[in-house]
């Protein structure tokens, strides 16, 4: 049997419940919850225990599958390929060759009301985008006119974590799209980062009949100190909300 990482031993055990997401051909993302049924012969059998996937959904053999799970201290996630189309709520996927582990603190999330500016670089080459990010980090503001004029400001609630963010925007962005980000924290600190789209979901049109998309991204590039600032802001926001709760007396 192949020599898989030791993290798999605590990540994909029989009986574990995991979250799974499957990339679809139209660049959307299908999600469900599954139980690990068996791990043998280089494959993993999963039994869907959520809402399942409609039969008409274009899920194909070879589709990329994202698997996430966690314990009290860490978040485990990995990617694999689908061995076959789901049959009777059962999925067969290849055994992941790499498991990434993140501290749970990095995954702490909170809905916050902060300005987030974003810009989609015309050149989506990662090396070029990283070079631009390195230059932008040196600026207190967006010092390049081409960025300033192209930025879109987002001022509604953002679901923020140390590893990424989710917000509602009018742009429909495909999986993998790279964005330059400027996040403004209340202390006027400007955090520059590069985000990569991992999920775009069309929302039910509002009364204005304007289409919006729930857009999730991970940070591909962010300074370590800036990540800590985000985590601290999330913790402060959670403490503030707790302090605002009415006091209960026995």
Protein backbone atom coordinates (compact mmCIF):
# COMPACT_ATOMS: atom_id res chain seq x y z
CA UNK A 1 0.00 0.00 0.00
CA UNK A 2 1.36 3.52 -0.81
CA UNK A 3 3.10 5.47 1.95
CA UNK A 4 0.49 8.10 2.79
CA UNK A 5 1.05 10.92 5.30
CA UNK A 6 0.63 10.07 8.98
CA UNK A 7 -2.01 12.83 9.28
CA UNK A 8 -4.40 10.56 7.35
CA UNK A 9 -4.58 8.26 10.35
CA UNK A 10 -6.39 10.94 12.35
CA UNK A 11 -8.13 12.53 9.37
CA UNK A 12 -10.01 9.75 7.59
CA UNK A 13 -10.99 7.05 10.04
CA UNK A 14 -13.95 4.75 9.57
CA UNK A 15 -17.03 6.41 11.04
CA UNK A 16 -15.66 9.96 10.77
CA UNK A 17 -18.01 12.64 9.46
CA UNK A 18 -16.42 14.95 6.89
CA UNK A 19 -17.48 17.86 4.72
CA UNK A 20 -17.01 17.34 1.01
CA UNK A 21 -17.17 19.68 -1.94
CA UNK A 22 -17.02 18.76 -5.61
CA UNK A 23 -15.92 21.06 -8.44
CA UNK A 24 -18.48 21.06 -11.26
CA UNK A 25 -17.78 21.70 -14.95
CA UNK A 26 -19.62 25.07 -14.84
CA UNK A 27 -17.10 26.32 -12.23
CA UNK A 28 -19.61 26.03 -9.36
CA UNK A 29 -19.20 23.98 -6.21
CA UNK A 30 -21.49 21.24 -4.80
CA UNK A 31 -21.31 20.49 -1.06
CA UNK A 32 -22.58 17.82 1.31
CA UNK A 33 -21.71 15.91 4.47
CA UNK A 34 -20.54 12.29 4.41
CA UNK A 35 -19.49 9.45 6.69
CA UNK A 36 -16.29 7.50 6.03
CA UNK A 37 -17.42 3.90 5.40
CA UNK A 38 -14.13 2.25 4.46
CA UNK A 39 -10.52 3.09 3.60
CA UNK A 40 -8.86 0.30 1.67
CA UNK A 41 -7.14 -0.60 -1.60
CA UNK A 42 -6.12 2.99 -2.28
CA UNK A 43 -9.66 4.37 -2.15
CA UNK A 44 -12.10 5.80 0.36
CA UNK A 45 -15.81 5.02 0.40
CA UNK A 46 -18.07 7.79 1.66
CA UNK A 47 -21.78 7.60 2.45
CA UNK A 48 -23.61 10.89 1.92
CA UNK A 49 -25.61 11.86 5.00
CA UNK A 50 -26.71 15.38 4.12
CA UNK A 51 -29.11 16.53 1.42
CA UNK A 52 -27.22 14.57 -1.25
CA UNK A 53 -26.65 15.55 -4.87
CA UNK A 54 -29.48 15.71 -7.47
CA UNK A 55 -29.24 13.06 -10.17
CA UNK A 56 -29.07 15.72 -12.90
CA UNK A 57 -26.01 17.40 -11.36
CA UNK A 58 -23.03 17.00 -13.73
CA UNK A 59 -20.75 15.12 -11.33
CA UNK A 60 -18.17 13.20 -13.33
CA UNK A 61 -15.45 10.67 -12.70
CA UNK A 62 -12.19 12.50 -12.11
CA UNK A 63 -13.84 15.58 -10.59
CA UNK A 64 -11.81 17.32 -7.90
CA UNK A 65 -13.09 16.70 -4.36
CA UNK A 66 -12.26 18.85 -1.32
CA UNK A 67 -12.49 17.01 2.01
CA UNK A 68 -12.41 18.83 5.37
CA UNK A 69 -12.72 17.70 8.95
CA UNK A 70 -11.40 18.73 12.34
CA UNK A 71 -10.92 18.10 16.01
CA UNK A 72 -10.65 20.41 19.02
CA UNK A 73 -7.27 21.76 17.99
CA UNK A 74 -6.86 21.49 14.23
CA UNK A 75 -8.61 21.61 10.86
CA UNK A 76 -7.66 18.91 8.33
CA UNK A 77 -8.26 19.34 4.63
CA UNK A 78 -7.19 17.57 1.48
CA UNK A 79 -8.09 17.14 -2.17
CA UNK A 80 -8.63 13.98 -4.17
CA UNK A 81 -10.29 12.78 -7.38
CA UNK A 82 -13.66 11.13 -7.73
CA UNK A 83 -13.36 7.51 -8.82
CA UNK A 84 -16.93 7.24 -10.11
CA UNK A 85 -20.31 8.96 -10.22
CA UNK A 86 -22.24 8.71 -6.90
CA UNK A 87 -24.24 5.48 -6.66
CA UNK A 88 -27.01 5.12 -4.05
CA UNK A 89 -25.56 7.99 -1.96
CA UNK A 90 -22.11 6.34 -1.97
CA UNK A 91 -18.98 8.06 -3.26
CA UNK A 92 -15.67 6.43 -4.10
CA UNK A 93 -12.65 8.74 -4.09
CA UNK A 94 -8.94 8.13 -4.45
CA UNK A 95 -6.87 8.13 -1.28
CA UNK A 96 -5.51 11.67 -0.68
CA UNK A 97 -1.76 11.92 -1.08
CA UNK A 98 -1.44 15.05 1.06
CA UNK A 99 -3.25 16.27 4.14
CA UNK A 100 -2.88 19.87 5.27
CA UNK A 101 -3.35 20.77 8.92
CA UNK A 102 -4.21 24.23 10.18
CA UNK A 103 -4.59 25.56 13.69
CA UNK A 104 -8.27 26.01 14.49
CA UNK A 105 -7.57 29.59 15.56
CA UNK A 106 -6.89 30.41 11.92
CA UNK A 107 -10.37 29.10 11.08
CA UNK A 108 -12.21 31.27 13.63
CA UNK A 109 -14.88 33.21 11.74
CA UNK A 110 -17.02 36.23 12.44
CA UNK A 111 -19.39 38.44 10.46
CA UNK A 112 -17.88 41.92 10.58
CA UNK A 113 -18.77 45.26 9.03
CA UNK A 114 -15.54 46.51 7.50
CA UNK A 115 -14.63 47.99 4.10
CA UNK A 116 -13.04 45.51 1.72
CA UNK A 117 -11.72 46.71 -1.64
CA UNK A 118 -10.95 44.25 -4.39
CA UNK A 119 -9.51 44.32 -7.86
CA UNK A 120 -9.22 41.58 -10.47
CA UNK A 121 -5.80 41.72 -12.18
CA UNK A 122 -5.98 41.45 -15.95
CA UNK A 123 -2.92 39.20 -15.88
CA UNK A 124 -3.90 36.19 -13.73
CA UNK A 125 -0.37 34.75 -13.67
CA UNK A 126 0.30 34.01 -9.99
CA UNK A 127 3.93 35.13 -10.16
CA UNK A 128 2.93 38.49 -11.65
CA UNK A 129 0.16 38.95 -9.07
CA UNK A 130 2.55 38.18 -6.19
CA UNK A 131 5.02 40.74 -7.55
CA UNK A 132 2.25 43.35 -7.63
CA UNK A 133 1.25 42.40 -4.09
CA UNK A 134 4.82 42.87 -2.85
CA UNK A 135 4.79 46.42 -4.24
CA UNK A 136 1.35 47.24 -2.87
CA UNK A 137 2.33 46.14 0.64
CA UNK A 138 4.73 49.10 0.74
CA UNK A 139 1.91 51.58 0.22
CA UNK A 140 -0.35 52.92 2.96
CA UNK A 141 -2.96 53.40 0.26
CA UNK A 142 -3.39 52.07 -3.26
CA UNK A 143 -0.55 54.10 -4.72
CA UNK A 144 -1.07 53.05 -8.35
CA UNK A 145 -3.77 54.97 -10.21
CA UNK A 146 -4.71 51.91 -12.27
CA UNK A 147 -5.53 50.01 -9.07
CA UNK A 148 -7.31 52.95 -7.46
CA UNK A 149 -9.61 53.44 -10.45
CA UNK A 150 -10.35 49.72 -10.82
CA UNK A 151 -11.04 48.94 -7.15
CA UNK A 152 -14.54 47.91 -6.11
CA UNK A 153 -15.52 48.88 -2.56
CA UNK A 154 -17.57 46.45 -0.51
CA UNK A 155 -19.20 47.90 2.62
CA UNK A 156 -21.68 45.28 3.77
CA UNK A 157 -21.01 42.43 6.18
CA UNK A 158 -18.00 40.20 5.52
CA UNK A 159 -17.56 36.70 6.92
CA UNK A 160 -13.92 36.95 7.91
CA UNK A 161 -11.33 34.44 9.14
CA UNK A 162 -7.57 34.23 9.32
CA UNK A 163 -7.54 32.05 6.22
CA UNK A 164 -10.01 33.84 3.96
CA UNK A 165 -13.31 35.67 3.66
CA UNK A 166 -16.78 35.49 2.17
CA UNK A 167 -18.89 38.39 0.99
CA UNK A 168 -21.82 39.23 -1.27
CA UNK A 169 -20.88 41.00 -4.50
CA UNK A 170 -22.38 41.66 -7.92
CA UNK A 171 -19.46 40.17 -9.86
CA UNK A 172 -19.68 36.51 -10.82
CA UNK A 173 -16.12 35.23 -10.42
CA UNK A 174 -15.01 31.76 -11.45
CA UNK A 175 -13.12 29.24 -9.33
CA UNK A 176 -9.44 30.07 -9.01
CA UNK A 177 -9.75 33.76 -9.96
CA UNK A 178 -7.09 35.85 -8.21
CA UNK A 179 -8.00 39.17 -6.58
CA UNK A 180 -6.00 41.94 -4.99
CA UNK A 181 -7.57 42.83 -1.64
CA UNK A 182 -7.38 45.78 0.71
CA UNK A 183 -9.05 45.18 4.07
CA UNK A 184 -9.57 48.19 6.32
CA UNK A 185 -9.67 47.43 10.04
CA UNK A 186 -11.16 49.90 12.55
CA UNK A 187 -7.70 51.03 13.72
CA UNK A 188 -7.11 52.30 10.17
CA UNK A 189 -4.68 49.49 9.43
CA UNK A 190 -4.78 48.60 5.73
CA UNK A 191 -4.13 44.94 5.05
CA UNK A 192 -3.12 43.97 1.54
CA UNK A 193 -3.58 40.39 0.38
CA UNK A 194 -4.21 38.15 -2.59
CA UNK A 195 -7.37 36.04 -2.56
CA UNK A 196 -8.25 33.01 -4.69
CA UNK A 197 -11.91 32.22 -5.34
CA UNK A 198 -13.00 28.81 -4.04
CA UNK A 199 -16.76 29.16 -4.30
CA UNK A 200 -19.35 31.35 -6.05
CA UNK A 201 -23.04 30.86 -5.39
CA UNK A 202 -25.83 32.88 -6.98
CA UNK A 203 -28.22 34.32 -4.40
CA UNK A 204 -31.98 34.73 -4.71
CA UNK A 205 -32.59 38.15 -6.35
CA UNK A 206 -33.59 40.88 -3.91
CA UNK A 207 -36.51 43.28 -4.32
CA UNK A 208 -34.30 45.49 -6.47
CA UNK A 209 -33.90 42.51 -8.87
CA UNK A 210 -30.14 42.98 -8.79
CA UNK A 211 -28.16 39.74 -8.98
CA UNK A 212 -25.67 39.07 -6.19
CA UNK A 213 -23.23 36.24 -5.60
CA UNK A 214 -21.99 34.81 -2.33
CA UNK A 215 -18.27 34.66 -3.02
CA UNK A 216 -15.77 32.75 -0.87
CA UNK A 217 -12.01 32.98 -1.15
CA UNK A 218 -8.85 31.84 0.59
CA UNK A 219 -5.82 34.03 1.09
CA UNK A 220 -3.10 32.96 -1.32
CA UNK A 221 -0.75 35.69 -0.10
CA UNK A 222 -0.97 37.61 3.18
CA UNK A 223 1.71 38.82 5.58
CA UNK A 224 1.90 36.74 8.79
CA UNK A 225 1.55 39.85 10.97
CA UNK A 226 -1.50 40.92 8.97
CA UNK A 227 -3.08 37.49 9.44
CA UNK A 228 -2.60 37.88 13.20
CA UNK A 229 -4.26 41.31 13.03
CA UNK A 230 -7.29 39.73 11.37
CA UNK A 231 -7.49 36.99 14.00
CA UNK A 232 -7.18 39.56 16.79
CA UNK A 233 -9.96 41.64 15.26
CA UNK A 234 -12.20 38.56 15.07
CA UNK A 235 -11.51 37.71 18.72
CA UNK A 236 -12.15 41.33 19.79
CA UNK A 237 -15.41 41.36 17.83
CA UNK A 238 -16.58 38.15 19.47
CA UNK A 239 -15.72 39.50 22.94
CA UNK A 240 -17.56 42.74 22.17
CA UNK A 241 -20.70 40.82 21.22
CA UNK A 242 -20.52 38.77 24.40
CA UNK A 243 -20.17 41.95 26.47
CA UNK A 244 -23.27 43.38 24.79
CA UNK A 245 -25.44 40.42 25.75
CA UNK A 246 -27.93 41.25 28.53
CA UNK A 247 -26.87 40.00 31.97
CA UNK A 248 -28.97 37.12 33.29
CA UNK A 249 -29.68 36.76 36.96
CA UNK A 250 -30.56 33.52 38.69
